[in-house]
Amino acid sequence: MKPEIEGRGGGFGKYQGLTLAETQALFDTCIADPSMRSISAVLRVTREQLDARGQLGTYPIFAWIAAFAALAGGVARQFGPAAIEPVATKTFLGAGVVFLLLVATTLPTRKVRRMNVAQEREIREMAVHALLTILEAKPALKPLTVEQETTIKILLRKNPAAARLRVLLEA
């Protein structure tokens, strides 16, 4: 693990983030006892740790969407028909305010946000490795809960090496 991304993420109390080393230790414990219970534990820990880091990679995306909406409202206000001017003005002002708020809150925290996004990436990689290692032992599989399926879908979407985890969704 890279020391520059070591940290606990956010959260508090029961939902406080673990360090990457603590998370890896939990995954290693699950790997030592390959079973459906271990698969469930890996998925639960993965979900909790991703949530503790706030999934902060989405905020810049929202900022770009707001900027585009503000730009579209401004263009429609200037060049559109007079009938849509009130709506275009409201869109321009509303999306502009949202954009400014998002920029004002994401710029000061960009270093922490980048660290948390890197931690999320590392946690997803550790989870995929742990799940694949457990699956190699061919444990008896049971149907997954909705939360577990959602976590696996996140892993599949964000990590191309996770394609072999589809066997869990088909169980």
Protein backbone atom coordinates (compact mmCIF):
# COMPACT_ATOMS: atom_id res chain seq x y z
CA MET A 1 0.00 0.00 0.00
CA LYS A 2 1.11 3.49 -0.77
CA PRO A 3 1.86 5.53 2.37
CA GLU A 4 0.73 8.79 0.73
CA ILE A 5 -2.85 7.52 0.60
CA GLU A 6 -2.94 5.98 4.06
CA GLY A 7 -5.72 7.33 6.22
CA ARG A 8 -9.09 6.53 7.73
CA GLY A 9 -11.40 8.41 5.45
CA GLY A 10 -14.44 10.01 7.02
CA GLY A 11 -17.24 8.66 9.11
CA PHE A 12 -17.53 8.43 12.85
CA GLY A 13 -18.45 5.90 15.51
CA LYS A 14 -19.50 2.57 14.05
CA TYR A 15 -19.00 3.92 10.55
CA GLN A 16 -15.51 5.31 11.07
CA GLY A 17 -13.19 4.43 8.27
CA LEU A 18 -10.39 1.92 8.75
CA THR A 19 -6.88 2.37 7.45
CA LEU A 20 -5.98 0.40 4.35
CA ALA A 21 -3.80 -1.90 6.47
CA GLU A 22 -6.70 -2.62 8.84
CA THR A 23 -9.00 -3.26 5.89
CA GLN A 24 -6.45 -5.62 4.34
CA ALA A 25 -6.14 -7.47 7.67
CA LEU A 26 -9.93 -8.00 7.69
CA PHE A 27 -9.81 -9.26 4.12
CA ASP A 28 -6.93 -11.62 4.98
CA THR A 29 -9.01 -13.05 7.84
CA CYS A 30 -11.84 -13.70 5.38
CA ILE A 31 -9.47 -15.29 2.87
CA ALA A 32 -8.19 -17.68 5.56
CA ASP A 33 -11.73 -19.10 5.94
CA PRO A 34 -13.18 -19.29 2.41
CA SER A 35 -16.95 -19.53 2.76
CA MET A 36 -20.10 -17.64 1.87
CA ARG A 37 -19.85 -15.93 5.25
CA SER A 38 -16.41 -14.62 4.25
CA ILE A 39 -17.79 -13.36 0.94
CA SER A 40 -20.54 -11.54 2.82
CA ALA A 41 -17.99 -10.05 5.22
CA VAL A 42 -15.75 -8.80 2.40
CA LEU A 43 -18.73 -7.18 0.66
CA ARG A 44 -19.94 -5.57 3.91
CA VAL A 45 -16.50 -4.20 4.80
CA THR A 46 -16.05 -2.95 1.22
CA ARG A 47 -19.39 -1.12 1.28
CA GLU A 48 -18.73 0.40 4.71
CA GLN A 49 -15.23 1.58 3.79
CA LEU A 50 -16.32 3.09 0.49
CA ASP A 51 -19.15 4.89 2.29
CA ALA A 52 -16.73 6.13 4.99
CA ARG A 53 -14.71 7.86 2.30
CA GLY A 54 -17.80 9.64 1.02
CA GLN A 55 -17.39 8.69 -2.64
CA LEU A 56 -16.08 12.19 -3.20
CA GLY A 57 -15.17 11.60 -6.83
CA THR A 58 -18.74 12.53 -7.80
CA TYR A 59 -18.58 16.17 -6.68
CA PRO A 60 -16.47 17.43 -9.60
CA ILE A 61 -18.87 15.65 -11.96
CA PHE A 62 -21.81 17.49 -10.39
CA ALA A 63 -19.87 20.75 -10.71
CA TRP A 64 -19.39 20.18 -14.46
CA ILE A 65 -23.08 19.33 -14.88
CA ALA A 66 -24.05 22.53 -13.07
CA ALA A 67 -21.61 24.56 -15.19
CA PHE A 68 -23.07 23.09 -18.38
CA ALA A 69 -26.64 23.81 -17.19
CA ALA A 70 -25.67 27.40 -16.33
CA LEU A 71 -24.03 27.82 -19.73
CA ALA A 72 -27.08 26.38 -21.50
CA GLY A 73 -29.35 28.71 -19.51
CA GLY A 74 -27.19 31.72 -20.36
CA VAL A 75 -27.12 30.87 -24.06
CA ALA A 76 -30.89 30.25 -24.10
CA ARG A 77 -31.44 33.56 -22.31
CA GLN A 78 -29.38 35.48 -24.86
CA PHE A 79 -30.35 33.75 -28.09
CA GLY A 80 -33.60 31.95 -27.34
CA PRO A 81 -37.15 33.19 -27.87
CA ALA A 82 -38.58 35.67 -25.40
CA ALA A 83 -41.07 33.06 -24.13
CA ILE A 84 -38.32 30.96 -22.49
CA GLU A 85 -36.36 33.89 -21.05
CA PRO A 86 -37.78 33.59 -17.48
CA VAL A 87 -37.01 29.84 -17.34
CA ALA A 88 -33.60 30.35 -18.92
CA THR A 89 -32.77 33.10 -16.41
CA LYS A 90 -33.78 30.91 -13.48
CA THR A 91 -31.76 28.00 -14.89
CA PHE A 92 -28.76 30.24 -15.46
CA LEU A 93 -28.87 31.71 -11.96
CA GLY A 94 -29.76 28.49 -10.12
CA ALA A 95 -27.19 26.29 -11.87
CA GLY A 96 -24.62 29.07 -11.56
CA VAL A 97 -25.12 29.25 -7.79
CA VAL A 98 -24.91 25.45 -7.50
CA PHE A 99 -21.72 25.48 -9.59
CA LEU A 100 -20.15 28.18 -7.42
CA LEU A 101 -21.08 26.33 -4.22
CA LEU A 102 -19.63 23.07 -5.52
CA VAL A 103 -16.42 24.77 -6.64
CA ALA A 104 -16.13 26.64 -3.34
CA THR A 105 -16.47 23.42 -1.36
CA THR A 106 -14.36 21.11 -3.54
CA LEU A 107 -11.34 23.32 -4.23
CA PRO A 108 -10.19 23.70 -0.60
CA THR A 109 -10.56 19.97 0.01
CA ARG A 110 -9.10 18.67 -3.25
CA LYS A 111 -6.04 17.07 -1.61
CA VAL A 112 -8.20 15.12 0.86
CA ARG A 113 -10.66 14.28 -1.91
CA ARG A 114 -7.88 12.91 -4.14
CA MET A 115 -6.53 10.86 -1.24
CA ASN A 116 -9.99 9.45 -0.48
CA VAL A 117 -10.62 8.62 -4.15
CA ALA A 118 -7.24 6.83 -4.28
CA GLN A 119 -8.19 4.95 -1.09
CA GLU A 120 -11.51 3.94 -2.65
CA ARG A 121 -9.65 2.59 -5.69
CA GLU A 122 -7.26 0.63 -3.46
CA ILE A 123 -10.14 -0.77 -1.36
CA ARG A 124 -11.94 -1.92 -4.50
CA GLU A 125 -8.77 -3.65 -5.73
CA MET A 126 -8.22 -5.34 -2.35
CA ALA A 127 -11.87 -6.48 -2.27
CA VAL A 128 -11.71 -7.94 -5.78
CA HIS A 129 -8.50 -9.79 -4.90
CA ALA A 130 -10.03 -11.13 -1.67
CA LEU A 131 -13.24 -12.24 -3.39
CA LEU A 132 -11.39 -13.94 -6.25
CA THR A 133 -9.12 -15.73 -3.78
CA ILE A 134 -12.13 -16.94 -1.79
CA LEU A 135 -13.89 -18.08 -4.99
CA GLU A 136 -10.84 -20.15 -5.97
CA ALA A 137 -11.56 -22.36 -2.93
CA LYS A 138 -15.03 -23.04 -4.44
CA PRO A 139 -17.19 -22.36 -1.37
CA ALA A 140 -20.89 -23.20 -1.44
CA LEU A 141 -22.58 -20.10 -2.83
CA LYS A 142 -25.94 -18.75 -1.73
CA PRO A 143 -28.10 -15.97 -3.17
CA LEU A 144 -26.91 -12.48 -2.35
CA THR A 145 -28.85 -9.69 -0.67
CA VAL A 146 -29.66 -6.54 -2.62
CA GLU A 147 -26.88 -4.62 -0.82
CA GLN A 148 -24.34 -7.32 -1.68
CA GLU A 149 -25.42 -7.33 -5.32
CA THR A 150 -25.09 -3.55 -5.43
CA THR A 151 -21.57 -3.73 -3.98
CA ILE A 152 -20.55 -6.34 -6.54
CA LYS A 153 -21.98 -4.22 -9.35
CA ILE A 154 -19.89 -1.27 -8.10
CA LEU A 155 -16.81 -3.49 -8.12
CA LEU A 156 -17.64 -4.74 -11.64
CA ARG A 157 -18.19 -1.22 -12.94
CA LYS A 158 -15.06 0.28 -11.44
CA ASN A 159 -12.62 -2.61 -11.88
CA PRO A 160 -12.31 -4.50 -15.19
CA ALA A 161 -10.45 -7.36 -13.47
CA ALA A 162 -13.59 -8.06 -11.45
CA ALA A 163 -15.38 -9.71 -14.38
CA ARG A 164 -14.89 -13.13 -12.79
CA LEU A 165 -17.08 -11.99 -9.89
CA ARG A 166 -20.15 -12.35 -12.10
CA VAL A 167 -20.40 -15.93 -10.79
CA LEU A 168 -21.58 -14.45 -7.48
CA LEU A 169 -24.45 -12.63 -9.18
CA GLU A 170 -25.51 -15.82 -10.94
CA ALA A 171 -25.56 -17.97 -7.78
